[in-house]
Amino acid sequence: MSDVSAAEAKVKKLRILIVEDHAPTRMAMSRLIRQAGADVLTARDGEEGLGYLLTQRFDVLLTDLRMPKMDGF
């Protein structure tokens, strides 16, 4: 294993939660972030996102601010 590969193997992947009610936007964001090397979980609205936040740990939360049921604030 080269030095670069060994260093890359030790780097922890970021865990990112995306909360977005617009499906095409949610899928595009998820695809781009996965391609950058992060682990991604998506939620369709604030209620679903809050459920994930209460049971799992994330490094980053990306959320839409205006959604049905519960907003991103």
PDB file of N, CA and C in Angstrom:
ATOM      1  N   MET A   1       0.851  -1.180   0.000  1.00  0.00           N
ATOM      2  CA  MET A   1       0.000   0.000   0.000  1.00  0.00           C
ATOM      3  C   MET A   1       0.892   1.236   0.000  1.00  0.00           C
ATOM      4  N   SER A   2       0.632   2.152  -0.892  1.00  0.00           N
ATOM      5  CA  SER A   2       1.440   3.371  -0.960  1.00  0.00           C
ATOM      6  C   SER A   2       1.125   4.278   0.226  1.00  0.00           C
ATOM      7  N   ASP A   3       1.991   5.285   0.442  1.00  0.00           N
ATOM      8  CA  ASP A   3       1.774   6.224   1.544  1.00  0.00           C
ATOM      9  C   ASP A   3       0.447   6.956   1.408  1.00  0.00           C
ATOM     10  N   VAL A   4       0.092   7.334   0.187  1.00  0.00           N
ATOM     11  CA  VAL A   4      -1.167   8.049  -0.042  1.00  0.00           C
ATOM     12  C   VAL A   4      -2.348   7.133   0.277  1.00  0.00           C
ATOM     13  N   SER A   5      -2.293   5.888  -0.189  1.00  0.00           N
ATOM     14  CA  SER A   5      -3.383   4.951   0.078  1.00  0.00           C
ATOM     15  C   SER A   5      -3.522   4.671   1.562  1.00  0.00           C
ATOM     16  N   ALA A   6      -2.415   4.545   2.270  1.00  0.00           N
ATOM     17  CA  ALA A   6      -2.457   4.308   3.703  1.00  0.00           C
ATOM     18  C   ALA A   6      -3.076   5.499   4.428  1.00  0.00           C
ATOM     19  N   ALA A   7      -2.720   6.703   4.010  1.00  0.00           N
ATOM     20  CA  ALA A   7      -3.278   7.907   4.629  1.00  0.00           C
ATOM     21  C   ALA A   7      -4.769   8.010   4.346  1.00  0.00           C
ATOM     22  N   GLU A   8      -5.173   7.711   3.121  1.00  0.00           N
ATOM     23  CA  GLU A   8      -6.591   7.763   2.766  1.00  0.00           C
ATOM     24  C   GLU A   8      -7.389   6.743   3.557  1.00  0.00           C
ATOM     25  N   ALA A   9      -6.820   5.572   3.805  1.00  0.00           N
ATOM     26  CA  ALA A   9      -7.514   4.526   4.547  1.00  0.00           C
ATOM     27  C   ALA A   9      -7.773   4.943   5.993  1.00  0.00           C
ATOM     28  N   LYS A  10      -6.935   5.810   6.545  1.00  0.00           N
ATOM     29  CA  LYS A  10      -7.072   6.247   7.934  1.00  0.00           C
ATOM     30  C   LYS A  10      -8.051   7.408   8.098  1.00  0.00           C
ATOM     31  N   VAL A  11      -8.401   8.073   7.004  1.00  0.00           N
ATOM     32  CA  VAL A  11      -9.286   9.231   7.067  1.00  0.00           C
ATOM     33  C   VAL A  11     -10.715   8.758   7.292  1.00  0.00           C
ATOM     34  N   LYS A  12     -11.363   9.330   8.299  1.00  0.00           N
ATOM     35  CA  LYS A  12     -12.753   8.993   8.595  1.00  0.00           C
ATOM     36  C   LYS A  12     -13.665   9.691   7.596  1.00  0.00           C
ATOM     37  N   LYS A  13     -14.606   8.939   7.040  1.00  0.00           N
ATOM     38  CA  LYS A  13     -15.581   9.546   6.142  1.00  0.00           C
ATOM     39  C   LYS A  13     -16.531  10.418   6.945  1.00  0.00           C
ATOM     40  N   LEU A  14     -16.868  11.563   6.395  1.00  0.00           N
ATOM     41  CA  LEU A  14     -17.881  12.410   7.011  1.00  0.00           C
ATOM     42  C   LEU A  14     -19.240  11.750   6.878  1.00  0.00           C
ATOM     43  N   ARG A  15     -20.033  11.844   7.920  1.00  0.00           N
ATOM     44  CA  ARG A  15     -21.425  11.378   7.879  1.00  0.00           C
ATOM     45  C   ARG A  15     -22.296  12.618   7.743  1.00  0.00           C
ATOM     46  N   ILE A  16     -23.059  12.670   6.678  1.00  0.00           N
ATOM     47  CA  ILE A  16     -23.855  13.857   6.372  1.00  0.00           C
ATOM     48  C   ILE A  16     -25.323  13.476   6.273  1.00  0.00           C
ATOM     49  N   LEU A  17     -26.166  14.261   6.927  1.00  0.00           N
ATOM     50  CA  LEU A  17     -27.614  14.105   6.822  1.00  0.00           C
ATOM     51  C   LEU A  17     -28.149  15.239   5.963  1.00  0.00           C
ATOM     52  N   ILE A  18     -28.878  14.878   4.919  1.00  0.00           N
ATOM     53  CA  ILE A  18     -29.528  15.855   4.046  1.00  0.00           C
ATOM     54  C   ILE A  18     -31.027  15.772   4.306  1.00  0.00           C
ATOM     55  N   VAL A  19     -31.634  16.907   4.663  1.00  0.00           N
ATOM     56  CA  VAL A  19     -33.077  16.969   4.868  1.00  0.00           C
ATOM     57  C   VAL A  19     -33.634  17.919   3.818  1.00  0.00           C
ATOM     58  N   GLU A  20     -34.387  17.366   2.870  1.00  0.00           N
ATOM     59  CA  GLU A  20     -34.868  18.129   1.715  1.00  0.00           C
ATOM     60  C   GLU A  20     -36.154  17.494   1.209  1.00  0.00           C
ATOM     61  N   ASP A  21     -37.212  18.272   1.083  1.00  0.00           N
ATOM     62  CA  ASP A  21     -38.492  17.723   0.645  1.00  0.00           C
ATOM     63  C   ASP A  21     -38.606  17.574  -0.871  1.00  0.00           C
ATOM     64  N   HIS A  22     -37.810  18.260  -1.634  1.00  0.00           N
ATOM     65  CA  HIS A  22     -37.858  18.178  -3.098  1.00  0.00           C
ATOM     66  C   HIS A  22     -36.959  17.022  -3.553  1.00  0.00           C
ATOM     67  N   ALA A  23     -37.592  15.925  -3.998  1.00  0.00           N
ATOM     68  CA  ALA A  23     -36.856  14.692  -4.305  1.00  0.00           C
ATOM     69  C   ALA A  23     -35.705  14.874  -5.297  1.00  0.00           C
ATOM     70  N   PRO A  24     -35.885  15.570  -6.428  1.00  0.00           N
ATOM     71  CA  PRO A  24     -34.749  15.720  -7.355  1.00  0.00           C
ATOM     72  C   PRO A  24     -33.556  16.443  -6.723  1.00  0.00           C
ATOM     73  N   THR A  25     -33.827  17.450  -5.910  1.00  0.00           N
ATOM     74  CA  THR A  25     -32.740  18.166  -5.231  1.00  0.00           C
ATOM     75  C   THR A  25     -32.060  17.247  -4.225  1.00  0.00           C
ATOM     76  N   ARG A  26     -32.866  16.511  -3.460  1.00  0.00           N
ATOM     77  CA  ARG A  26     -32.324  15.587  -2.458  1.00  0.00           C
ATOM     78  C   ARG A  26     -31.430  14.548  -3.117  1.00  0.00           C
ATOM     79  N   MET A  27     -31.876  13.979  -4.233  1.00  0.00           N
ATOM     80  CA  MET A  27     -31.088  12.950  -4.919  1.00  0.00           C
ATOM     81  C   MET A  27     -29.807  13.520  -5.515  1.00  0.00           C
ATOM     82  N   ALA A  28     -29.882  14.711  -6.111  1.00  0.00           N
ATOM     83  CA  ALA A  28     -28.691  15.332  -6.714  1.00  0.00           C
ATOM     84  C   ALA A  28     -27.650  15.662  -5.646  1.00  0.00           C
ATOM     85  N   MET A  29     -28.102  16.242  -4.546  1.00  0.00           N
ATOM     86  CA  MET A  29     -27.169  16.572  -3.463  1.00  0.00           C
ATOM     87  C   MET A  29     -26.512  15.307  -2.914  1.00  0.00           C
ATOM     88  N   SER A  30     -27.314  14.293  -2.702  1.00  0.00           N
ATOM     89  CA  SER A  30     -26.792  13.034  -2.176  1.00  0.00           C
ATOM     90  C   SER A  30     -25.750  12.434  -3.107  1.00  0.00           C
ATOM     91  N   ARG A  31     -26.053  12.408  -4.395  1.00  0.00           N
ATOM     92  CA  ARG A  31     -25.121  11.832  -5.369  1.00  0.00           C
ATOM     93  C   ARG A  31     -23.800  12.596  -5.392  1.00  0.00           C
ATOM     94  N   LEU A  32     -23.860  13.910  -5.421  1.00  0.00           N
ATOM     95  CA  LEU A  32     -22.635  14.721  -5.463  1.00  0.00           C
ATOM     96  C   LEU A  32     -21.787  14.535  -4.205  1.00  0.00           C
ATOM     97  N   ILE A  33     -22.436  14.497  -3.073  1.00  0.00           N
ATOM     98  CA  ILE A  33     -21.694  14.372  -1.816  1.00  0.00           C
ATOM     99  C   ILE A  33     -21.104  12.971  -1.674  1.00  0.00           C
ATOM    100  N   ARG A  34     -21.833  11.951  -2.108  1.00  0.00           N
ATOM    101  CA  ARG A  34     -21.275  10.583  -2.090  1.00  0.00           C
ATOM    102  C   ARG A  34     -20.062  10.480  -3.007  1.00  0.00           C
ATOM    103  N   GLN A  35     -20.146  11.113  -4.177  1.00  0.00           N
ATOM    104  CA  GLN A  35     -19.017  11.096  -5.107  1.00  0.00           C
ATOM    105  C   GLN A  35     -17.782  11.761  -4.496  1.00  0.00           C
ATOM    106  N   ALA A  36     -17.998  12.696  -3.583  1.00  0.00           N
ATOM    107  CA  ALA A  36     -16.889  13.358  -2.899  1.00  0.00           C
ATOM    108  C   ALA A  36     -16.328  12.502  -1.765  1.00  0.00           C
ATOM    109  N   GLY A  37     -16.984  11.370  -1.475  1.00  0.00           N
ATOM    110  CA  GLY A  37     -16.431  10.435  -0.510  1.00  0.00           C
ATOM    111  C   GLY A  37     -17.099  10.386   0.853  1.00  0.00           C
ATOM    112  N   ALA A  38     -18.211  11.064   1.030  1.00  0.00           N
ATOM    113  CA  ALA A  38     -18.886  11.068   2.328  1.00  0.00           C
ATOM    114  C   ALA A  38     -19.971   9.997   2.384  1.00  0.00           C
ATOM    115  N   ASP A  39     -20.326   9.603   3.595  1.00  0.00           N
ATOM    116  CA  ASP A  39     -21.493   8.757   3.826  1.00  0.00           C
ATOM    117  C   ASP A  39     -22.687   9.679   3.973  1.00  0.00           C
ATOM    118  N   VAL A  40     -23.776   9.378   3.264  1.00  0.00           N
ATOM    119  CA  VAL A  40     -24.933  10.271   3.228  1.00  0.00           C
ATOM    120  C   VAL A  40     -26.204   9.520   3.612  1.00  0.00           C
ATOM    121  N   LEU A  41     -27.012  10.154   4.432  1.00  0.00           N
ATOM    122  CA  LEU A  41     -28.357   9.680   4.725  1.00  0.00           C
ATOM    123  C   LEU A  41     -29.297  10.821   4.377  1.00  0.00           C
ATOM    124  N   THR A  42     -30.452  10.511   3.806  1.00  0.00           N
ATOM    125  CA  THR A  42     -31.384  11.562   3.423  1.00  0.00           C
ATOM    126  C   THR A  42     -32.708  11.396   4.148  1.00  0.00           C
ATOM    127  N   ALA A  43     -33.387  12.533   4.350  1.00  0.00           N
ATOM    128  CA  ALA A  43     -34.716  12.557   4.947  1.00  0.00           C
ATOM    129  C   ALA A  43     -35.611  13.437   4.092  1.00  0.00           C
ATOM    130  N   ARG A  44     -36.901  13.084   4.021  1.00  0.00           N
ATOM    131  CA  ARG A  44     -37.859  13.797   3.169  1.00  0.00           C
ATOM    132  C   ARG A  44     -38.447  15.038   3.815  1.00  0.00           C
ATOM    133  N   ASP A  45     -38.370  15.140   5.140  1.00  0.00           N
ATOM    134  CA  ASP A  45     -38.930  16.310   5.827  1.00  0.00           C
ATOM    135  C   ASP A  45     -38.283  16.452   7.198  1.00  0.00           C
ATOM    136  N   GLY A  46     -38.635  17.530   7.895  1.00  0.00           N
ATOM    137  CA  GLY A  46     -38.034  17.811   9.187  1.00  0.00           C
ATOM    138  C   GLY A  46     -38.314  16.753  10.234  1.00  0.00           C
ATOM    139  N   GLU A  47     -39.502  16.186  10.217  1.00  0.00           N
ATOM    140  CA  GLU A  47     -39.828  15.145  11.197  1.00  0.00           C
ATOM    141  C   GLU A  47     -38.939  13.923  11.014  1.00  0.00           C
ATOM    142  N   GLU A  48     -38.787  13.484   9.781  1.00  0.00           N
ATOM    143  CA  GLU A  48     -37.930  12.329   9.508  1.00  0.00           C
ATOM    144  C   GLU A  48     -36.470  12.657   9.862  1.00  0.00           C
ATOM    145  N   GLY A  49     -36.025  13.845   9.498  1.00  0.00           N
ATOM    146  CA  GLY A  49     -34.661  14.258   9.818  1.00  0.00           C
ATOM    147  C   GLY A  49     -34.408  14.301  11.308  1.00  0.00           C
ATOM    148  N   LEU A  50     -35.368  14.841  12.063  1.00  0.00           N
ATOM    149  CA  LEU A  50     -35.215  14.894  13.521  1.00  0.00           C
ATOM    150  C   LEU A  50     -35.120  13.491  14.105  1.00  0.00           C
ATOM    151  N   GLY A  51     -35.902  12.576  13.568  1.00  0.00           N
ATOM    152  CA  GLY A  51     -35.815  11.186  14.027  1.00  0.00           C
ATOM    153  C   GLY A  51     -34.421  10.616  13.854  1.00  0.00           C
ATOM    154  N   TYR A  52     -33.795  10.896  12.713  1.00  0.00           N
ATOM    155  CA  TYR A  52     -32.423  10.427  12.488  1.00  0.00           C
ATOM    156  C   TYR A  52     -31.454  11.112  13.454  1.00  0.00           C
ATOM    157  N   LEU A  53     -31.640  12.410  13.673  1.00  0.00           N
ATOM    158  CA  LEU A  53     -30.737  13.144  14.566  1.00  0.00           C
ATOM    159  C   LEU A  53     -30.813  12.643  16.007  1.00  0.00           C
ATOM    160  N   LEU A  54     -31.967  12.168  16.407  1.00  0.00           N
ATOM    161  CA  LEU A  54     -32.138  11.674  17.780  1.00  0.00           C
ATOM    162  C   LEU A  54     -31.557  10.280  17.982  1.00  0.00           C
ATOM    163  N   THR A  55     -31.293   9.554  16.903  1.00  0.00           N
ATOM    164  CA  THR A  55     -30.834   8.167  17.037  1.00  0.00           C
ATOM    165  C   THR A  55     -29.454   7.899  16.446  1.00  0.00           C
ATOM    166  N   GLN A  56     -28.911   8.850  15.685  1.00  0.00           N
ATOM    167  CA  GLN A  56     -27.620   8.640  15.036  1.00  0.00           C
ATOM    168  C   GLN A  56     -26.762   9.894  15.146  1.00  0.00           C
ATOM    169  N   ARG A  57     -25.468   9.712  14.904  1.00  0.00           N
ATOM    170  CA  ARG A  57     -24.544  10.847  14.939  1.00  0.00           C
ATOM    171  C   ARG A  57     -24.157  11.229  13.515  1.00  0.00           C
ATOM    172  N   PHE A  58     -24.098  12.549  13.276  1.00  0.00           N
ATOM    173  CA  PHE A  58     -23.692  13.083  11.979  1.00  0.00           C
ATOM    174  C   PHE A  58     -22.649  14.159  12.195  1.00  0.00           C
ATOM    175  N   ASP A  59     -21.786  14.315  11.208  1.00  0.00           N
ATOM    176  CA  ASP A  59     -20.789  15.384  11.244  1.00  0.00           C
ATOM    177  C   ASP A  59     -21.355  16.682  10.679  1.00  0.00           C
ATOM    178  N   VAL A  60     -22.276  16.546   9.719  1.00  0.00           N
ATOM    179  CA  VAL A  60     -22.836  17.708   9.023  1.00  0.00           C
ATOM    180  C   VAL A  60     -24.325  17.484   8.796  1.00  0.00           C
ATOM    181  N   LEU A  61     -25.105  18.561   8.965  1.00  0.00           N
ATOM    182  CA  LEU A  61     -26.531  18.556   8.631  1.00  0.00           C
ATOM    183  C   LEU A  61     -26.765  19.615   7.565  1.00  0.00           C
ATOM    184  N   LEU A  62     -27.318  19.196   6.427  1.00  0.00           N
ATOM    185  CA  LEU A  62     -27.721  20.123   5.374  1.00  0.00           C
ATOM    186  C   LEU A  62     -29.236  20.044   5.294  1.00  0.00           C
ATOM    187  N   THR A  63     -29.903  21.173   5.517  1.00  0.00           N
ATOM    188  CA  THR A  63     -31.361  21.131   5.551  1.00  0.00           C
ATOM    189  C   THR A  63     -31.997  22.268   4.770  1.00  0.00           C
ATOM    190  N   ASP A  64     -33.097  21.934   4.139  1.00  0.00           N
ATOM    191  CA  ASP A  64     -33.965  22.932   3.528  1.00  0.00           C
ATOM    192  C   ASP A  64     -34.635  23.671   4.685  1.00  0.00           C
ATOM    193  N   LEU A  65     -34.907  24.944   4.516  1.00  0.00           N
ATOM    194  CA  LEU A  65     -35.532  25.698   5.599  1.00  0.00           C
ATOM    195  C   LEU A  65     -37.054  25.666   5.540  1.00  0.00           C
ATOM    196  N   ARG A  66     -37.611  25.565   4.342  1.00  0.00           N
ATOM    197  CA  ARG A  66     -39.071  25.537   4.201  1.00  0.00           C
ATOM    198  C   ARG A  66     -39.515  24.169   3.705  1.00  0.00           C
ATOM    199  N   MET A  67     -40.175  23.426   4.597  1.00  0.00           N
ATOM    200  CA  MET A  67     -40.673  22.086   4.259  1.00  0.00           C
ATOM    201  C   MET A  67     -42.020  21.890   4.949  1.00  0.00           C
ATOM    202  N   PRO A  68     -42.814  20.952   4.430  1.00  0.00           N
ATOM    203  CA  PRO A  68     -44.075  20.646   5.104  1.00  0.00           C
ATOM    204  C   PRO A  68     -43.810  19.915   6.424  1.00  0.00           C
ATOM    205  N   LYS A  69     -44.790  19.888   7.279  1.00  0.00           N
ATOM    206  CA  LYS A  69     -44.754  19.238   8.596  1.00  0.00           C
ATOM    207  C   LYS A  69     -43.850  19.975   9.567  1.00  0.00           C
ATOM    208  N   MET A  70     -42.560  20.044   9.294  1.00  0.00           N
ATOM    209  CA  MET A  70     -41.591  20.685  10.184  1.00  0.00           C
ATOM    210  C   MET A  70     -40.518  21.331   9.331  1.00  0.00           C
ATOM    211  N   ASP A  71     -40.232  22.596   9.567  1.00  0.00           N
ATOM    212  CA  ASP A  71     -39.237  23.291   8.748  1.00  0.00           C
ATOM    213  C   ASP A  71     -37.816  22.976   9.213  1.00  0.00           C
ATOM    214  N   GLY A  72     -36.845  23.496   8.492  1.00  0.00           N
ATOM    215  CA  GLY A  72     -35.446  23.228   8.783  1.00  0.00           C
ATOM    216  C   GLY A  72     -34.851  24.005   9.932  1.00  0.00           C
ATOM    217  N   PHE A  73     -35.633  24.940  10.490  1.00  0.00           N
ATOM    218  CA  PHE A  73     -35.135  25.700  11.635  1.00  0.00           C
ATOM    219  C   PHE A  73     -35.215  24.852  12.882  1.00  0.00           C
TER     220      PHE A  73
END
